[in-house]
């Protein structure tokens, strides 16, 4: 029974506005993506990193420069996140009892405890998707431009790592793409499987904008 991790870092980072894609920017002296990778080092039997072909040489240079010691292999990303994950899954030989966790490359602040819980719950129940309560007020906008409030107590914000029975996830990704797919849980669910929610972590932020990187720096200093 193996723990397999897929880390997806296929974005160009255009929203971030930096010269480098955000996954390669430094967070407390180490590249964001490297910090994410290192969180899975002792918890995974195999790590697959998904990168655009155009970024792979830069990644090799960063690994040498910053001394990345985490064993992993690199797979080329696709035009969408779904295709990138599928590219990685298609390279895997999986067996009964194996679990695949899929992680955003720009969520570097997750704890090893969350990684352990995701793998353990997925092995027991078939899936494990970390979520946190929604704290903002939410309104739904209708087609006619009108809006109405959505009770936030019934809502959860979804994080990664999302972990699943490996055989079931591989079969789910063999199905045709649907526009409704927004994450791995949606792919798994649309294939007929139940999604198990687990408690996420408020510090497990996704670095999307420059302000997120500053917040992450402060959180690391606080730790």
Protein backbone atom coordinates (compact mmCIF):
# COMPACT_ATOMS: atom_id res chain seq x y z
CA UNK A 1 0.00 0.00 0.00
CA UNK A 2 1.69 3.14 -1.22
CA UNK A 3 1.19 6.85 -0.71
CA UNK A 4 1.56 8.63 -4.03
CA UNK A 5 1.64 12.42 -4.33
CA UNK A 6 0.96 14.50 -7.43
CA UNK A 7 1.95 18.16 -7.10
CA UNK A 8 0.50 20.40 -9.79
CA UNK A 9 2.44 23.53 -10.69
CA UNK A 10 1.33 24.19 -14.23
CA UNK A 11 0.31 27.83 -14.00
CA UNK A 12 2.07 30.67 -15.75
CA UNK A 13 1.40 33.02 -12.83
CA UNK A 14 0.05 35.82 -15.00
CA UNK A 15 -2.28 37.09 -12.26
CA UNK A 16 0.66 37.48 -9.91
CA UNK A 17 2.43 40.04 -12.08
CA UNK A 18 5.98 38.87 -11.31
CA UNK A 19 8.78 38.11 -13.75
CA UNK A 20 8.83 34.49 -12.56
CA UNK A 21 5.79 32.22 -12.12
CA UNK A 22 4.68 32.38 -8.49
CA UNK A 23 5.66 28.78 -7.73
CA UNK A 24 9.32 29.70 -8.25
CA UNK A 25 9.38 32.87 -6.14
CA UNK A 26 11.21 32.76 -2.82
CA UNK A 27 9.33 32.26 0.42
CA UNK A 28 11.60 32.73 3.43
CA UNK A 29 14.63 31.95 1.32
CA UNK A 30 13.35 28.88 -0.58
CA UNK A 31 11.18 28.57 -3.70
CA UNK A 32 7.47 28.22 -2.94
CA UNK A 33 7.21 24.97 -4.90
CA UNK A 34 10.19 23.46 -3.09
CA UNK A 35 8.56 24.11 0.28
CA UNK A 36 5.41 22.37 -0.95
CA UNK A 37 7.41 19.41 -2.22
CA UNK A 38 9.30 19.06 1.05
CA UNK A 39 6.07 18.76 3.05
CA UNK A 40 5.41 15.38 1.38
CA UNK A 41 8.95 13.99 1.49
CA UNK A 42 8.66 11.54 4.38
CA UNK A 43 4.98 10.76 3.76
CA UNK A 44 5.11 9.59 0.14
CA UNK A 45 6.53 6.55 -1.59
CA UNK A 46 6.40 8.36 -4.93
CA UNK A 47 6.13 12.05 -5.81
CA UNK A 48 5.22 13.28 -9.28
CA UNK A 49 5.67 16.97 -10.02
CA UNK A 50 3.68 18.40 -12.93
CA UNK A 51 5.38 21.32 -14.69
CA UNK A 52 5.08 22.94 -18.11
CA UNK A 53 7.94 21.86 -20.34
CA UNK A 54 9.05 25.49 -20.54
CA UNK A 55 9.63 25.58 -16.76
CA UNK A 56 11.47 22.30 -16.31
CA UNK A 57 15.00 23.60 -16.94
CA UNK A 58 14.45 26.42 -14.47
CA UNK A 59 13.21 23.92 -11.90
CA UNK A 60 16.33 21.80 -12.30
CA UNK A 61 18.47 24.89 -11.79
CA UNK A 62 16.54 25.83 -8.63
CA UNK A 63 16.87 22.31 -7.24
CA UNK A 64 20.62 22.50 -7.66
CA UNK A 65 20.87 26.05 -6.32
CA UNK A 66 18.77 25.46 -3.21
CA UNK A 67 19.74 21.87 -2.54
CA UNK A 68 16.43 20.08 -3.03
CA UNK A 69 16.92 16.58 -1.64
CA UNK A 70 13.36 15.29 -2.19
CA UNK A 71 13.26 12.44 -4.68
CA UNK A 72 10.65 13.12 -7.37
CA UNK A 73 10.06 12.90 -11.08
CA UNK A 74 8.70 15.54 -13.41
CA UNK A 75 5.82 15.16 -15.87
CA UNK A 76 4.79 17.72 -18.47
CA UNK A 77 1.62 19.65 -17.71
CA UNK A 78 -1.36 20.16 -20.00
CA UNK A 79 -3.48 23.10 -21.08
CA UNK A 80 -5.80 22.71 -18.06
CA UNK A 81 -5.39 21.53 -14.49
CA UNK A 82 -7.51 18.48 -15.32
CA UNK A 83 -5.19 17.56 -18.19
CA UNK A 84 -2.12 18.14 -16.02
CA UNK A 85 -3.36 15.78 -13.31
CA UNK A 86 -4.39 13.23 -15.93
CA UNK A 87 -0.91 13.37 -17.48
CA UNK A 88 0.58 12.46 -14.11
CA UNK A 89 -1.99 9.76 -13.32
CA UNK A 90 -1.45 8.13 -16.71
CA UNK A 91 2.19 7.50 -15.77
CA UNK A 92 1.29 5.65 -12.57
CA UNK A 93 0.95 1.93 -11.98
CA UNK A 94 -1.37 1.57 -9.00
CA UNK A 95 -2.51 -1.34 -6.89
CA UNK A 96 -5.20 -2.11 -4.33
CA UNK A 97 -4.68 -0.06 -1.19
CA UNK A 98 -2.67 2.69 -2.88
CA UNK A 99 -3.72 6.29 -2.28
CA UNK A 100 -3.07 9.28 -4.53
CA UNK A 101 -2.95 12.78 -3.04
CA UNK A 102 -3.13 15.77 -5.38
CA UNK A 103 -1.64 19.02 -4.11
CA UNK A 104 -1.52 22.58 -5.44
CA UNK A 105 2.11 23.57 -5.93
CA UNK A 106 1.42 27.01 -4.46
CA UNK A 107 0.07 25.80 -1.10
CA UNK A 108 3.40 25.60 0.77
CA UNK A 109 2.17 26.06 4.35
CA UNK A 110 0.31 22.80 4.91
CA UNK A 111 1.42 20.77 7.90
CA UNK A 112 2.66 17.20 7.92
CA UNK A 113 -0.31 16.42 10.18
CA UNK A 114 -2.72 17.35 7.39
CA UNK A 115 -0.78 15.21 4.93
CA UNK A 116 -0.96 12.23 7.29
CA UNK A 117 -4.69 12.67 7.92
CA UNK A 118 -5.48 12.97 4.22
CA UNK A 119 -3.69 9.74 3.37
CA UNK A 120 -5.13 7.87 6.38
CA UNK A 121 -8.76 8.90 5.84
CA UNK A 122 -8.59 8.25 2.09
CA UNK A 123 -7.22 4.78 2.72
CA UNK A 124 -10.07 4.06 5.16
CA UNK A 125 -12.98 5.79 3.39
CA UNK A 126 -11.89 6.16 -0.24
CA UNK A 127 -11.38 9.92 -0.23
CA UNK A 128 -10.31 12.84 1.95
CA UNK A 129 -10.83 16.47 0.97
CA UNK A 130 -9.77 19.20 3.42
CA UNK A 131 -12.18 22.10 3.89
CA UNK A 132 -12.50 25.17 6.10
CA UNK A 133 -15.60 27.21 7.01
CA UNK A 134 -16.46 30.21 4.84
CA UNK A 135 -16.22 33.38 6.90
CA UNK A 136 -17.19 36.01 4.30
CA UNK A 137 -20.79 36.84 3.48
CA UNK A 138 -21.72 35.22 0.18
CA UNK A 139 -24.22 36.34 -2.45
CA UNK A 140 -25.30 34.40 -5.53
CA UNK A 141 -25.81 36.43 -8.70
CA UNK A 142 -28.61 35.25 -10.98
CA UNK A 143 -28.75 35.45 -14.78
CA UNK A 144 -30.91 38.57 -14.62
CA UNK A 145 -28.37 40.40 -12.45
CA UNK A 146 -30.36 40.05 -9.25
CA UNK A 147 -28.63 38.52 -6.25
CA UNK A 148 -29.53 36.80 -3.02
CA UNK A 149 -27.70 35.76 0.09
CA UNK A 150 -26.39 32.22 0.49
CA UNK A 151 -26.24 30.91 4.07
CA UNK A 152 -22.54 30.60 4.74
CA UNK A 153 -22.96 27.99 7.47
CA UNK A 154 -23.68 25.40 4.78
CA UNK A 155 -20.60 26.34 2.73
CA UNK A 156 -17.00 25.17 2.94
CA UNK A 157 -13.88 26.37 1.12
CA UNK A 158 -11.96 23.48 -0.41
CA UNK A 159 -8.20 23.03 -0.05
CA UNK A 160 -5.57 20.50 -1.03
CA UNK A 161 -4.14 17.90 -0.60
CA UNK A 162 -7.13 15.95 -1.87
CA UNK A 163 -6.51 12.23 -1.45
CA UNK A 164 -8.31 9.29 -3.06
CA UNK A 165 -8.26 5.56 -3.57
CA UNK A 166 -5.75 5.30 -6.40
CA UNK A 167 -7.60 2.78 -8.56
CA UNK A 168 -10.86 4.72 -8.33
CA UNK A 169 -9.19 8.06 -9.09
CA UNK A 170 -7.34 6.67 -12.08
CA UNK A 171 -10.61 5.30 -13.47
CA UNK A 172 -12.32 8.65 -12.85
CA UNK A 173 -9.63 10.46 -14.84
CA UNK A 174 -10.07 7.99 -17.71
CA UNK A 175 -13.54 9.44 -18.28
CA UNK A 176 -14.05 12.35 -20.72
CA UNK A 177 -13.50 15.88 -19.48
CA UNK A 178 -16.52 17.88 -18.27
CA UNK A 179 -16.60 21.67 -17.78
CA UNK A 180 -17.99 21.13 -14.26
CA UNK A 181 -14.63 19.80 -13.11
CA UNK A 182 -13.03 22.38 -10.83
CA UNK A 183 -10.82 20.09 -8.75
CA UNK A 184 -10.03 16.43 -8.22
CA UNK A 185 -12.96 15.95 -5.85
CA UNK A 186 -15.38 16.98 -8.60
CA UNK A 187 -13.81 14.46 -11.00
CA UNK A 188 -14.06 11.75 -8.35
CA UNK A 189 -17.63 12.64 -7.43
CA UNK A 190 -18.88 12.76 -11.03
CA UNK A 191 -17.54 9.22 -11.47
CA UNK A 192 -20.03 8.09 -8.82
CA UNK A 193 -17.90 8.13 -5.68
CA UNK A 194 -18.63 9.76 -2.32
CA UNK A 195 -16.38 12.61 -1.18
CA UNK A 196 -15.30 12.59 2.46
CA UNK A 197 -14.56 15.99 3.99
CA UNK A 198 -11.87 16.48 6.64
CA UNK A 199 -10.83 19.56 8.59
CA UNK A 200 -8.42 21.73 6.66
CA UNK A 201 -6.09 24.39 8.03
CA UNK A 202 -6.63 28.14 7.94
CA UNK A 203 -2.92 28.70 7.29
CA UNK A 204 -2.99 26.39 4.28
CA UNK A 205 -3.41 29.32 1.92
CA UNK A 206 -3.04 29.27 -1.84
CA UNK A 207 -0.57 31.86 -3.08
CA UNK A 208 -2.38 33.61 -5.92
CA UNK A 209 -1.66 37.33 -5.48
CA UNK A 210 1.41 39.24 -4.19
CA UNK A 211 -0.31 39.90 -0.88
CA UNK A 212 -0.63 36.15 -0.31
CA UNK A 213 3.14 35.80 -0.45
CA UNK A 214 3.53 38.49 2.21
CA UNK A 215 0.97 36.74 4.41
CA UNK A 216 2.82 33.45 3.98
CA UNK A 217 6.09 35.08 5.02
CA UNK A 218 4.45 36.37 8.21
CA UNK A 219 2.91 32.98 8.97
CA UNK A 220 6.27 31.27 8.62
CA UNK A 221 7.96 33.80 10.90
CA UNK A 222 5.20 33.30 13.47
CA UNK A 223 5.78 29.55 13.42
